[in-house]
């Protein structure tokens, strides 16, 4: 049996201020987007990211638009209520590299 790996590492800048919400089940979710450069076309590339629970709260507290961050996670694709597919990176670990909101410090949270 062959193994597969779904692992993403991104170094980039936060595109817009992260949003923090609660789900109907009470989980905390933080949504944001990260901007990187495409090496081939030299054009910006934008990736939606999502964090859950303690990581979501820490990310929202530390990160503002323009903050440079390092993230690790995995790709998640799903269909929304309109049957449109959406792909995002579910962040498991992150580090704020500069310009953070409250405390620019490394955060590693695995929920």
PDB file of N, CA and C in Angstrom:
ATOM      1  N   UNK A   1       0.840  -1.170   0.000  1.00  0.00           N
ATOM      2  CA  UNK A   1       0.000   0.000   0.000  1.00  0.00           C
ATOM      3  C   UNK A   1       0.890   1.238   0.000  1.00  0.00           C
ATOM      4  N   UNK A   2       0.622   2.167  -0.919  1.00  0.00           N
ATOM      5  CA  UNK A   2       1.427   3.382  -0.973  1.00  0.00           C
ATOM      6  C   UNK A   2       0.892   4.421   0.007  1.00  0.00           C
ATOM      7  N   UNK A   3       1.783   5.226   0.517  1.00  0.00           N
ATOM      8  CA  UNK A   3       1.416   6.271   1.457  1.00  0.00           C
ATOM      9  C   UNK A   3       1.236   7.586   0.715  1.00  0.00           C
ATOM     10  N   UNK A   4       0.425   8.460   1.278  1.00  0.00           N
ATOM     11  CA  UNK A   4       0.266   9.801   0.730  1.00  0.00           C
ATOM     12  C   UNK A   4       0.565  10.806   1.831  1.00  0.00           C
ATOM     13  N   UNK A   5       0.892  12.024   1.426  1.00  0.00           N
ATOM     14  CA  UNK A   5       1.197  13.080   2.373  1.00  0.00           C
ATOM     15  C   UNK A   5       0.399  14.318   1.971  1.00  0.00           C
ATOM     16  N   UNK A   6      -0.273  14.901   2.923  1.00  0.00           N
ATOM     17  CA  UNK A   6      -1.006  16.150   2.710  1.00  0.00           C
ATOM     18  C   UNK A   6      -0.454  17.141   3.719  1.00  0.00           C
ATOM     19  N   UNK A   7       0.607  17.829   3.341  1.00  0.00           N
ATOM     20  CA  UNK A   7       1.282  18.758   4.249  1.00  0.00           C
ATOM     21  C   UNK A   7       1.625  20.023   3.482  1.00  0.00           C
ATOM     22  N   UNK A   8       1.351  21.181   4.072  1.00  0.00           N
ATOM     23  CA  UNK A   8       1.586  22.469   3.434  1.00  0.00           C
ATOM     24  C   UNK A   8       2.431  23.339   4.354  1.00  0.00           C
ATOM     25  N   UNK A   9       3.410  24.021   3.788  1.00  0.00           N
ATOM     26  CA  UNK A   9       4.206  25.012   4.500  1.00  0.00           C
ATOM     27  C   UNK A   9       4.176  26.294   3.677  1.00  0.00           C
ATOM     28  N   UNK A  10       3.763  27.391   4.304  1.00  0.00           N
ATOM     29  CA  UNK A  10       3.670  28.668   3.583  1.00  0.00           C
ATOM     30  C   UNK A  10       4.329  29.759   4.414  1.00  0.00           C
ATOM     31  N   UNK A  11       5.100  30.603   3.734  1.00  0.00           N
ATOM     32  CA  UNK A  11       5.675  31.801   4.316  1.00  0.00           C
ATOM     33  C   UNK A  11       5.141  32.966   3.499  1.00  0.00           C
ATOM     34  N   UNK A  12       4.374  33.849   4.134  1.00  0.00           N
ATOM     35  CA  UNK A  12       3.780  34.953   3.390  1.00  0.00           C
ATOM     36  C   UNK A  12       3.210  36.006   4.314  1.00  0.00           C
ATOM     37  N   UNK A  13       2.427  36.910   3.720  1.00  0.00           N
ATOM     38  CA  UNK A  13       1.830  38.011   4.469  1.00  0.00           C
ATOM     39  C   UNK A  13       0.320  37.850   4.516  1.00  0.00           C
ATOM     40  N   UNK A  14      -0.262  38.201   5.671  1.00  0.00           N
ATOM     41  CA  UNK A  14      -1.713  38.113   5.823  1.00  0.00           C
ATOM     42  C   UNK A  14      -2.357  39.186   4.945  1.00  0.00           C
ATOM     43  N   UNK A  15      -3.310  38.755   4.122  1.00  0.00           N
ATOM     44  CA  UNK A  15      -3.938  39.631   3.133  1.00  0.00           C
ATOM     45  C   UNK A  15      -4.960  40.578   3.743  1.00  0.00           C
ATOM     46  N   UNK A  16      -5.749  40.083   4.665  1.00  0.00           N
ATOM     47  CA  UNK A  16      -6.783  40.915   5.305  1.00  0.00           C
ATOM     48  C   UNK A  16      -6.869  40.518   6.777  1.00  0.00           C
ATOM     49  N   UNK A  17      -7.475  41.382   7.562  1.00  0.00           N
ATOM     50  CA  UNK A  17      -7.589  41.105   8.993  1.00  0.00           C
ATOM     51  C   UNK A  17      -8.330  39.789   9.220  1.00  0.00           C
ATOM     52  N   UNK A  18      -7.797  38.912  10.057  1.00  0.00           N
ATOM     53  CA  UNK A  18      -8.465  37.646  10.346  1.00  0.00           C
ATOM     54  C   UNK A  18      -9.818  37.868  11.035  1.00  0.00           C
ATOM     55  N   UNK A  19     -10.778  37.004  10.738  1.00  0.00           N
ATOM     56  CA  UNK A  19     -12.078  37.062  11.400  1.00  0.00           C
ATOM     57  C   UNK A  19     -12.185  35.904  12.384  1.00  0.00           C
ATOM     58  N   UNK A  20     -12.815  36.159  13.515  1.00  0.00           N
ATOM     59  CA  UNK A  20     -12.980  35.146  14.557  1.00  0.00           C
ATOM     60  C   UNK A  20     -14.466  34.939  14.804  1.00  0.00           C
ATOM     61  N   UNK A  21     -14.918  33.691  14.738  1.00  0.00           N
ATOM     62  CA  UNK A  21     -16.329  33.358  14.932  1.00  0.00           C
ATOM     63  C   UNK A  21     -16.462  32.088  15.755  1.00  0.00           C
ATOM     64  N   UNK A  22     -17.671  31.840  16.208  1.00  0.00           N
ATOM     65  CA  UNK A  22     -18.018  30.594  16.899  1.00  0.00           C
ATOM     66  C   UNK A  22     -18.974  29.808  16.010  1.00  0.00           C
ATOM     67  N   UNK A  23     -18.777  28.500  15.957  1.00  0.00           N
ATOM     68  CA  UNK A  23     -19.702  27.649  15.220  1.00  0.00           C
ATOM     69  C   UNK A  23     -20.915  27.368  16.102  1.00  0.00           C
ATOM     70  N   UNK A  24     -21.956  26.773  15.514  1.00  0.00           N
ATOM     71  CA  UNK A  24     -23.154  26.442  16.297  1.00  0.00           C
ATOM     72  C   UNK A  24     -22.841  25.429  17.386  1.00  0.00           C
ATOM     73  N   UNK A  25     -21.777  24.645  17.194  1.00  0.00           N
ATOM     74  CA  UNK A  25     -21.391  23.665  18.211  1.00  0.00           C
ATOM     75  C   UNK A  25     -20.459  24.256  19.274  1.00  0.00           C
ATOM     76  N   UNK A  26     -20.112  25.546  19.109  1.00  0.00           N
ATOM     77  CA  UNK A  26     -19.283  26.206  20.117  1.00  0.00           C
ATOM     78  C   UNK A  26     -17.801  26.246  19.818  1.00  0.00           C
ATOM     79  N   UNK A  27     -17.355  25.696  18.711  1.00  0.00           N
ATOM     80  CA  UNK A  27     -15.937  25.730  18.350  1.00  0.00           C
ATOM     81  C   UNK A  27     -15.569  27.133  17.863  1.00  0.00           C
ATOM     82  N   UNK A  28     -14.347  27.557  18.143  1.00  0.00           N
ATOM     83  CA  UNK A  28     -13.846  28.843  17.677  1.00  0.00           C
ATOM     84  C   UNK A  28     -13.139  28.636  16.348  1.00  0.00           C
ATOM     85  N   UNK A  29     -13.439  29.489  15.361  1.00  0.00           N
ATOM     86  CA  UNK A  29     -12.826  29.385  14.044  1.00  0.00           C
ATOM     87  C   UNK A  29     -12.324  30.753  13.601  1.00  0.00           C
ATOM     88  N   UNK A  30     -11.113  30.776  13.060  1.00  0.00           N
ATOM     89  CA  UNK A  30     -10.509  32.002  12.552  1.00  0.00           C
ATOM     90  C   UNK A  30     -10.223  31.802  11.066  1.00  0.00           C
ATOM     91  N   UNK A  31     -10.717  32.733  10.250  1.00  0.00           N
ATOM     92  CA  UNK A  31     -10.480  32.676   8.806  1.00  0.00           C
ATOM     93  C   UNK A  31      -9.627  33.862   8.391  1.00  0.00           C
ATOM     94  N   UNK A  32      -8.707  33.610   7.457  1.00  0.00           N
ATOM     95  CA  UNK A  32      -7.843  34.660   6.921  1.00  0.00           C
ATOM     96  C   UNK A  32      -7.373  34.213   5.544  1.00  0.00           C
ATOM     97  N   UNK A  33      -6.580  35.047   4.911  1.00  0.00           N
ATOM     98  CA  UNK A  33      -5.954  34.698   3.639  1.00  0.00           C
ATOM     99  C   UNK A  33      -4.500  35.118   3.710  1.00  0.00           C
ATOM    100  N   UNK A  34      -3.644  34.342   3.065  1.00  0.00           N
ATOM    101  CA  UNK A  34      -2.213  34.626   3.063  1.00  0.00           C
ATOM    102  C   UNK A  34      -1.771  34.859   1.618  1.00  0.00           C
ATOM    103  N   UNK A  35      -0.922  35.863   1.424  1.00  0.00           N
ATOM    104  CA  UNK A  35      -0.430  36.215   0.089  1.00  0.00           C
ATOM    105  C   UNK A  35       1.013  35.747  -0.063  1.00  0.00           C
ATOM    106  N   UNK A  36       1.281  35.126  -1.199  1.00  0.00           N
ATOM    107  CA  UNK A  36       2.634  34.700  -1.552  1.00  0.00           C
ATOM    108  C   UNK A  36       2.873  35.073  -3.014  1.00  0.00           C
ATOM    109  N   UNK A  37       4.104  34.916  -3.487  1.00  0.00           N
ATOM    110  CA  UNK A  37       4.414  35.163  -4.894  1.00  0.00           C
ATOM    111  C   UNK A  37       4.562  33.845  -5.622  1.00  0.00           C
ATOM    112  N   UNK A  38       4.000  33.769  -6.817  1.00  0.00           N
ATOM    113  CA  UNK A  38       4.181  32.615  -7.683  1.00  0.00           C
ATOM    114  C   UNK A  38       5.537  32.771  -8.354  1.00  0.00           C
ATOM    115  N   UNK A  39       6.434  31.822  -8.136  1.00  0.00           N
ATOM    116  CA  UNK A  39       7.796  31.919  -8.675  1.00  0.00           C
ATOM    117  C   UNK A  39       7.831  31.919 -10.194  1.00  0.00           C
ATOM    118  N   UNK A  40       6.912  31.236 -10.830  1.00  0.00           N
ATOM    119  CA  UNK A  40       6.928  31.114 -12.287  1.00  0.00           C
ATOM    120  C   UNK A  40       6.389  32.372 -12.952  1.00  0.00           C
ATOM    121  N   UNK A  41       5.236  32.850 -12.503  1.00  0.00           N
ATOM    122  CA  UNK A  41       4.615  34.016 -13.136  1.00  0.00           C
ATOM    123  C   UNK A  41       4.986  35.325 -12.458  1.00  0.00           C
ATOM    124  N   UNK A  42       5.595  35.248 -11.281  1.00  0.00           N
ATOM    125  CA  UNK A  42       5.950  36.418 -10.476  1.00  0.00           C
ATOM    126  C   UNK A  42       4.726  37.273 -10.162  1.00  0.00           C
ATOM    127  N   UNK A  43       3.582  36.622 -10.037  1.00  0.00           N
ATOM    128  CA  UNK A  43       2.347  37.312  -9.667  1.00  0.00           C
ATOM    129  C   UNK A  43       1.923  36.845  -8.283  1.00  0.00           C
ATOM    130  N   UNK A  44       1.176  37.685  -7.568  1.00  0.00           N
ATOM    131  CA  UNK A  44       0.726  37.276  -6.236  1.00  0.00           C
ATOM    132  C   UNK A  44      -0.265  36.123  -6.297  1.00  0.00           C
ATOM    133  N   UNK A  45      -0.229  35.339  -5.270  1.00  0.00           N
ATOM    134  CA  UNK A  45      -1.114  34.191  -5.131  1.00  0.00           C
ATOM    135  C   UNK A  45      -1.742  34.269  -3.749  1.00  0.00           C
ATOM    136  N   UNK A  46      -3.042  33.999  -3.651  1.00  0.00           N
ATOM    137  CA  UNK A  46      -3.756  34.137  -2.390  1.00  0.00           C
ATOM    138  C   UNK A  46      -4.339  32.794  -1.979  1.00  0.00           C
ATOM    139  N   UNK A  47      -4.149  32.442  -0.715  1.00  0.00           N
ATOM    140  CA  UNK A  47      -4.618  31.164  -0.195  1.00  0.00           C
ATOM    141  C   UNK A  47      -5.446  31.410   1.063  1.00  0.00           C
ATOM    142  N   UNK A  48      -6.666  30.862   1.087  1.00  0.00           N
ATOM    143  CA  UNK A  48      -7.495  30.949   2.285  1.00  0.00           C
ATOM    144  C   UNK A  48      -6.955  29.990   3.333  1.00  0.00           C
ATOM    145  N   UNK A  49      -6.950  30.449   4.593  1.00  0.00           N
ATOM    146  CA  UNK A  49      -6.497  29.606   5.693  1.00  0.00           C
ATOM    147  C   UNK A  49      -7.548  29.617   6.796  1.00  0.00           C
ATOM    148  N   UNK A  50      -7.574  28.553   7.581  1.00  0.00           N
ATOM    149  CA  UNK A  50      -8.517  28.437   8.696  1.00  0.00           C
ATOM    150  C   UNK A  50      -7.795  27.826   9.891  1.00  0.00           C
ATOM    151  N   UNK A  51      -8.100  28.337  11.080  1.00  0.00           N
ATOM    152  CA  UNK A  51      -7.555  27.812  12.327  1.00  0.00           C
ATOM    153  C   UNK A  51      -8.710  27.544  13.265  1.00  0.00           C
ATOM    154  N   UNK A  52      -8.528  26.585  14.164  1.00  0.00           N
ATOM    155  CA  UNK A  52      -9.599  26.171  15.065  1.00  0.00           C
ATOM    156  C   UNK A  52      -9.192  26.301  16.524  1.00  0.00           C
ATOM    157  N   UNK A  53     -10.173  26.628  17.356  1.00  0.00           N
ATOM    158  CA  UNK A  53     -10.086  26.622  18.822  1.00  0.00           C
ATOM    159  C   UNK A  53      -8.951  27.484  19.367  1.00  0.00           C
ATOM    160  N   UNK A  54      -8.057  26.935  20.177  1.00  0.00           N
ATOM    161  CA  UNK A  54      -7.005  27.750  20.802  1.00  0.00           C
ATOM    162  C   UNK A  54      -6.099  28.401  19.773  1.00  0.00           C
ATOM    163  N   UNK A  55      -5.775  27.677  18.709  1.00  0.00           N
ATOM    164  CA  UNK A  55      -4.927  28.249  17.653  1.00  0.00           C
ATOM    165  C   UNK A  55      -5.628  29.430  16.996  1.00  0.00           C
ATOM    166  N   UNK A  56      -6.942  29.323  16.797  1.00  0.00           N
ATOM    167  CA  UNK A  56      -7.721  30.406  16.191  1.00  0.00           C
ATOM    168  C   UNK A  56      -7.664  31.659  17.059  1.00  0.00           C
ATOM    169  N   UNK A  57      -7.846  31.484  18.359  1.00  0.00           N
ATOM    170  CA  UNK A  57      -7.825  32.624  19.283  1.00  0.00           C
ATOM    171  C   UNK A  57      -6.447  33.279  19.327  1.00  0.00           C
ATOM    172  N   UNK A  58      -5.397  32.480  19.377  1.00  0.00           N
ATOM    173  CA  UNK A  58      -4.028  33.009  19.424  1.00  0.00           C
ATOM    174  C   UNK A  58      -3.687  33.745  18.126  1.00  0.00           C
ATOM    175  N   UNK A  59      -4.055  33.164  16.989  1.00  0.00           N
ATOM    176  CA  UNK A  59      -3.777  33.772  15.692  1.00  0.00           C
ATOM    177  C   UNK A  59      -4.489  35.117  15.581  1.00  0.00           C
ATOM    178  N   UNK A  60      -5.765  35.141  15.938  1.00  0.00           N
ATOM    179  CA  UNK A  60      -6.556  36.377  15.851  1.00  0.00           C
ATOM    180  C   UNK A  60      -5.985  37.470  16.743  1.00  0.00           C
ATOM    181  N   UNK A  61      -5.469  37.099  17.889  1.00  0.00           N
ATOM    182  CA  UNK A  61      -4.907  38.066  18.837  1.00  0.00           C
ATOM    183  C   UNK A  61      -3.579  38.645  18.350  1.00  0.00           C
ATOM    184  N   UNK A  62      -2.787  37.842  17.634  1.00  0.00           N
ATOM    185  CA  UNK A  62      -1.427  38.243  17.275  1.00  0.00           C
ATOM    186  C   UNK A  62      -1.259  38.786  15.871  1.00  0.00           C
ATOM    187  N   UNK A  63      -2.207  38.536  14.985  1.00  0.00           N
ATOM    188  CA  UNK A  63      -2.000  38.806  13.565  1.00  0.00           C
ATOM    189  C   UNK A  63      -2.937  39.903  13.073  1.00  0.00           C
ATOM    190  N   UNK A  64      -2.383  40.813  12.292  1.00  0.00           N
ATOM    191  CA  UNK A  64      -3.166  41.855  11.628  1.00  0.00           C
ATOM    192  C   UNK A  64      -2.839  41.812  10.138  1.00  0.00           C
ATOM    193  N   UNK A  65      -3.583  42.573   9.352  1.00  0.00           N
ATOM    194  CA  UNK A  65      -3.316  42.643   7.919  1.00  0.00           C
ATOM    195  C   UNK A  65      -1.868  43.051   7.684  1.00  0.00           C
ATOM    196  N   UNK A  66      -1.171  42.332   6.819  1.00  0.00           N
ATOM    197  CA  UNK A  66       0.221  42.633   6.499  1.00  0.00           C
ATOM    198  C   UNK A  66       1.245  41.885   7.321  1.00  0.00           C
ATOM    199  N   UNK A  67       0.833  41.220   8.396  1.00  0.00           N
ATOM    200  CA  UNK A  67       1.766  40.471   9.237  1.00  0.00           C
ATOM    201  C   UNK A  67       2.403  39.340   8.435  1.00  0.00           C
ATOM    202  N   UNK A  68       3.712  39.193   8.580  1.00  0.00           N
ATOM    203  CA  UNK A  68       4.433  38.095   7.925  1.00  0.00           C
ATOM    204  C   UNK A  68       4.354  36.885   8.847  1.00  0.00           C
ATOM    205  N   UNK A  69       3.879  35.760   8.305  1.00  0.00           N
ATOM    206  CA  UNK A  69       3.714  34.548   9.110  1.00  0.00           C
ATOM    207  C   UNK A  69       4.251  33.326   8.382  1.00  0.00           C
ATOM    208  N   UNK A  70       4.623  32.352   9.176  1.00  0.00           N
ATOM    209  CA  UNK A  70       5.015  31.024   8.701  1.00  0.00           C
ATOM    210  C   UNK A  70       3.919  30.085   9.188  1.00  0.00           C
ATOM    211  N   UNK A  71       3.318  29.321   8.276  1.00  0.00           N
ATOM    212  CA  UNK A  71       2.271  28.394   8.687  1.00  0.00           C
ATOM    213  C   UNK A  71       2.568  26.991   8.179  1.00  0.00           C
ATOM    214  N   UNK A  72       2.085  26.022   8.935  1.00  0.00           N
ATOM    215  CA  UNK A  72       2.107  24.617   8.531  1.00  0.00           C
ATOM    216  C   UNK A  72       0.696  24.089   8.698  1.00  0.00           C
ATOM    217  N   UNK A  73       0.304  23.204   7.813  1.00  0.00           N
ATOM    218  CA  UNK A  73      -1.025  22.630   7.900  1.00  0.00           C
ATOM    219  C   UNK A  73      -1.266  21.624   6.799  1.00  0.00           C
ATOM    220  N   UNK A  74      -2.545  21.455   6.433  1.00  0.00           N
ATOM    221  CA  UNK A  74      -2.900  20.525   5.372  1.00  0.00           C
ATOM    222  C   UNK A  74      -4.017  21.114   4.517  1.00  0.00           C
ATOM    223  N   UNK A  75      -4.118  20.643   3.279  1.00  0.00           N
ATOM    224  CA  UNK A  75      -5.124  21.120   2.340  1.00  0.00           C
ATOM    225  C   UNK A  75      -6.442  20.421   2.612  1.00  0.00           C
ATOM    226  N   UNK A  76      -7.511  21.206   2.646  1.00  0.00           N
ATOM    227  CA  UNK A  76      -8.859  20.679   2.841  1.00  0.00           C
ATOM    228  C   UNK A  76      -9.752  21.239   1.735  1.00  0.00           C
ATOM    229  N   UNK A  77     -10.431  20.367   1.012  1.00  0.00           N
ATOM    230  CA  UNK A  77     -11.370  20.779  -0.025  1.00  0.00           C
ATOM    231  C   UNK A  77     -12.740  20.235   0.337  1.00  0.00           C
ATOM    232  N   UNK A  78     -13.745  21.087   0.221  1.00  0.00           N
ATOM    233  CA  UNK A  78     -15.107  20.674   0.562  1.00  0.00           C
ATOM    234  C   UNK A  78     -16.092  21.432  -0.314  1.00  0.00           C
ATOM    235  N   UNK A  79     -17.333  20.980  -0.317  1.00  0.00           N
ATOM    236  CA  UNK A  79     -18.402  21.666  -1.031  1.00  0.00           C
ATOM    237  C   UNK A  79     -19.200  22.484  -0.037  1.00  0.00           C
ATOM    238  N   UNK A  80     -19.468  23.743  -0.373  1.00  0.00           N
ATOM    239  CA  UNK A  80     -20.267  24.580   0.517  1.00  0.00           C
ATOM    240  C   UNK A  80     -21.753  24.366   0.241  1.00  0.00           C
ATOM    241  N   UNK A  81     -22.595  25.145   0.893  1.00  0.00           N
ATOM    242  CA  UNK A  81     -24.042  24.937   0.779  1.00  0.00           C
ATOM    243  C   UNK A  81     -24.568  25.160  -0.637  1.00  0.00           C
ATOM    244  N   UNK A  82     -23.830  25.895  -1.479  1.00  0.00           N
ATOM    245  CA  UNK A  82     -24.233  26.112  -2.874  1.00  0.00           C
ATOM    246  C   UNK A  82     -23.618  25.086  -3.819  1.00  0.00           C
ATOM    247  N   UNK A  83     -22.996  24.053  -3.267  1.00  0.00           N
ATOM    248  CA  UNK A  83     -22.320  23.003  -4.026  1.00  0.00           C
ATOM    249  C   UNK A  83     -21.088  23.488  -4.795  1.00  0.00           C
ATOM    250  N   UNK A  84     -20.525  24.606  -4.361  1.00  0.00           N
ATOM    251  CA  UNK A  84     -19.268  25.081  -4.938  1.00  0.00           C
ATOM    252  C   UNK A  84     -18.123  24.516  -4.114  1.00  0.00           C
ATOM    253  N   UNK A  85     -17.074  24.059  -4.808  1.00  0.00           N
ATOM    254  CA  UNK A  85     -15.926  23.528  -4.074  1.00  0.00           C
ATOM    255  C   UNK A  85     -15.058  24.657  -3.559  1.00  0.00           C
ATOM    256  N   UNK A  86     -14.552  24.482  -2.357  1.00  0.00           N
ATOM    257  CA  UNK A  86     -13.671  25.465  -1.730  1.00  0.00           C
ATOM    258  C   UNK A  86     -12.447  24.722  -1.210  1.00  0.00           C
ATOM    259  N   UNK A  87     -11.279  25.290  -1.458  1.00  0.00           N
ATOM    260  CA  UNK A  87     -10.032  24.712  -0.968  1.00  0.00           C
ATOM    261  C   UNK A  87      -9.376  25.719  -0.036  1.00  0.00           C
ATOM    262  N   UNK A  88      -8.922  25.219   1.103  1.00  0.00           N
ATOM    263  CA  UNK A  88      -8.268  26.064   2.094  1.00  0.00           C
ATOM    264  C   UNK A  88      -7.184  25.257   2.782  1.00  0.00           C
ATOM    265  N   UNK A  89      -6.315  25.951   3.489  1.00  0.00           N
ATOM    266  CA  UNK A  89      -5.297  25.290   4.298  1.00  0.00           C
ATOM    267  C   UNK A  89      -5.748  25.348   5.747  1.00  0.00           C
ATOM    268  N   UNK A  90      -5.854  24.185   6.373  1.00  0.00           N
ATOM    269  CA  UNK A  90      -6.164  24.099   7.800  1.00  0.00           C
ATOM    270  C   UNK A  90      -4.827  24.169   8.531  1.00  0.00           C
ATOM    271  N   UNK A  91      -4.633  25.237   9.295  1.00  0.00           N
ATOM    272  CA  UNK A  91      -3.346  25.502   9.938  1.00  0.00           C
ATOM    273  C   UNK A  91      -3.248  24.730  11.242  1.00  0.00           C
ATOM    274  N   UNK A  92      -2.136  24.009  11.402  1.00  0.00           N
ATOM    275  CA  UNK A  92      -1.879  23.287  12.641  1.00  0.00           C
ATOM    276  C   UNK A  92      -0.846  24.007  13.499  1.00  0.00           C
ATOM    277  N   UNK A  93       0.141  24.648  12.868  1.00  0.00           N
ATOM    278  CA  UNK A  93       1.194  25.379  13.573  1.00  0.00           C
ATOM    279  C   UNK A  93       1.457  26.684  12.837  1.00  0.00           C
ATOM    280  N   UNK A  94       1.829  27.718  13.592  1.00  0.00           N
ATOM    281  CA  UNK A  94       2.202  28.970  12.942  1.00  0.00           C
ATOM    282  C   UNK A  94       3.203  29.730  13.791  1.00  0.00           C
ATOM    283  N   UNK A  95       3.916  30.635  13.140  1.00  0.00           N
ATOM    284  CA  UNK A  95       4.840  31.539  13.825  1.00  0.00           C
ATOM    285  C   UNK A  95       4.679  32.921  13.218  1.00  0.00           C
ATOM    286  N   UNK A  96       4.543  33.933  14.081  1.00  0.00           N
ATOM    287  CA  UNK A  96       4.478  35.321  13.633  1.00  0.00           C
ATOM    288  C   UNK A  96       5.917  35.793  13.466  1.00  0.00           C
ATOM    289  N   UNK A  97       6.252  36.288  12.283  1.00  0.00           N
ATOM    290  CA  UNK A  97       7.631  36.667  12.008  1.00  0.00           C
ATOM    291  C   UNK A  97       7.901  38.154  12.160  1.00  0.00           C
ATOM    292  N   UNK A  98       6.884  38.993  11.990  1.00  0.00           N
ATOM    293  CA  UNK A  98       7.038  40.431  12.207  1.00  0.00           C
ATOM    294  C   UNK A  98       5.680  41.111  12.219  1.00  0.00           C
ATOM    295  N   UNK A  99       5.634  42.307  12.730  1.00  0.00           N
ATOM    296  CA  UNK A  99       4.455  43.137  12.640  1.00  0.00           C
ATOM    297  C   UNK A  99       3.197  42.580  13.261  1.00  0.00           C
ATOM    298  N   UNK A 100       3.319  41.694  14.232  1.00  0.00           N
ATOM    299  CA  UNK A 100       2.146  41.097  14.847  1.00  0.00           C
ATOM    300  C   UNK A 100       1.335  42.094  15.650  1.00  0.00           C
ATOM    301  N   UNK A 101       0.123  41.726  15.968  1.00  0.00           N
ATOM    302  CA  UNK A 101      -0.780  42.588  16.707  1.00  0.00           C
ATOM    303  C   UNK A 101      -0.325  42.820  18.133  1.00  0.00           C
ATOM    304  N   UNK A 102      -0.516  41.859  19.020  1.00  0.00           N
ATOM    305  CA  UNK A 102      -0.254  42.053  20.437  1.00  0.00           C
ATOM    306  C   UNK A 102       1.155  41.620  20.815  1.00  0.00           C
ATOM    307  N   UNK A 103       1.482  40.363  20.590  1.00  0.00           N
ATOM    308  CA  UNK A 103       2.783  39.830  20.975  1.00  0.00           C
ATOM    309  C   UNK A 103       3.351  39.022  19.818  1.00  0.00           C
ATOM    310  N   UNK A 104       4.325  39.550  19.077  1.00  0.00           N
ATOM    311  CA  UNK A 104       4.923  38.747  18.025  1.00  0.00           C
ATOM    312  C   UNK A 104       5.815  37.662  18.639  1.00  0.00           C
ATOM    313  N   UNK A 105       5.263  36.476  18.785  1.00  0.00           N
ATOM    314  CA  UNK A 105       6.010  35.378  19.370  1.00  0.00           C
ATOM    315  C   UNK A 105       5.595  34.102  18.659  1.00  0.00           C
ATOM    316  N   UNK A 106       6.403  33.105  18.758  1.00  0.00           N
ATOM    317  CA  UNK A 106       6.094  31.828  18.112  1.00  0.00           C
ATOM    318  C   UNK A 106       4.995  31.123  18.866  1.00  0.00           C
ATOM    319  N   UNK A 107       4.069  30.549  18.136  1.00  0.00           N
ATOM    320  CA  UNK A 107       2.977  29.806  18.735  1.00  0.00           C
ATOM    321  C   UNK A 107       2.900  28.459  18.035  1.00  0.00           C
ATOM    322  N   UNK A 108       2.916  27.407  18.795  1.00  0.00           N
ATOM    323  CA  UNK A 108       2.731  26.073  18.240  1.00  0.00           C
ATOM    324  C   UNK A 108       1.641  25.409  19.043  1.00  0.00           C
ATOM    325  N   UNK A 109       0.497  25.226  18.424  1.00  0.00           N
ATOM    326  CA  UNK A 109      -0.666  24.656  19.096  1.00  0.00           C
ATOM    327  C   UNK A 109      -1.224  23.543  18.248  1.00  0.00           C
ATOM    328  N   UNK A 110      -1.316  22.388  18.782  1.00  0.00           N
ATOM    329  CA  UNK A 110      -1.938  21.269  18.087  1.00  0.00           C
ATOM    330  C   UNK A 110      -3.185  20.881  18.856  1.00  0.00           C
ATOM    331  N   UNK A 111      -4.352  21.202  18.301  1.00  0.00           N
ATOM    332  CA  UNK A 111      -5.621  20.840  18.942  1.00  0.00           C
ATOM    333  C   UNK A 111      -6.082  19.489  18.445  1.00  0.00           C
TER     334      UNK A 111
END
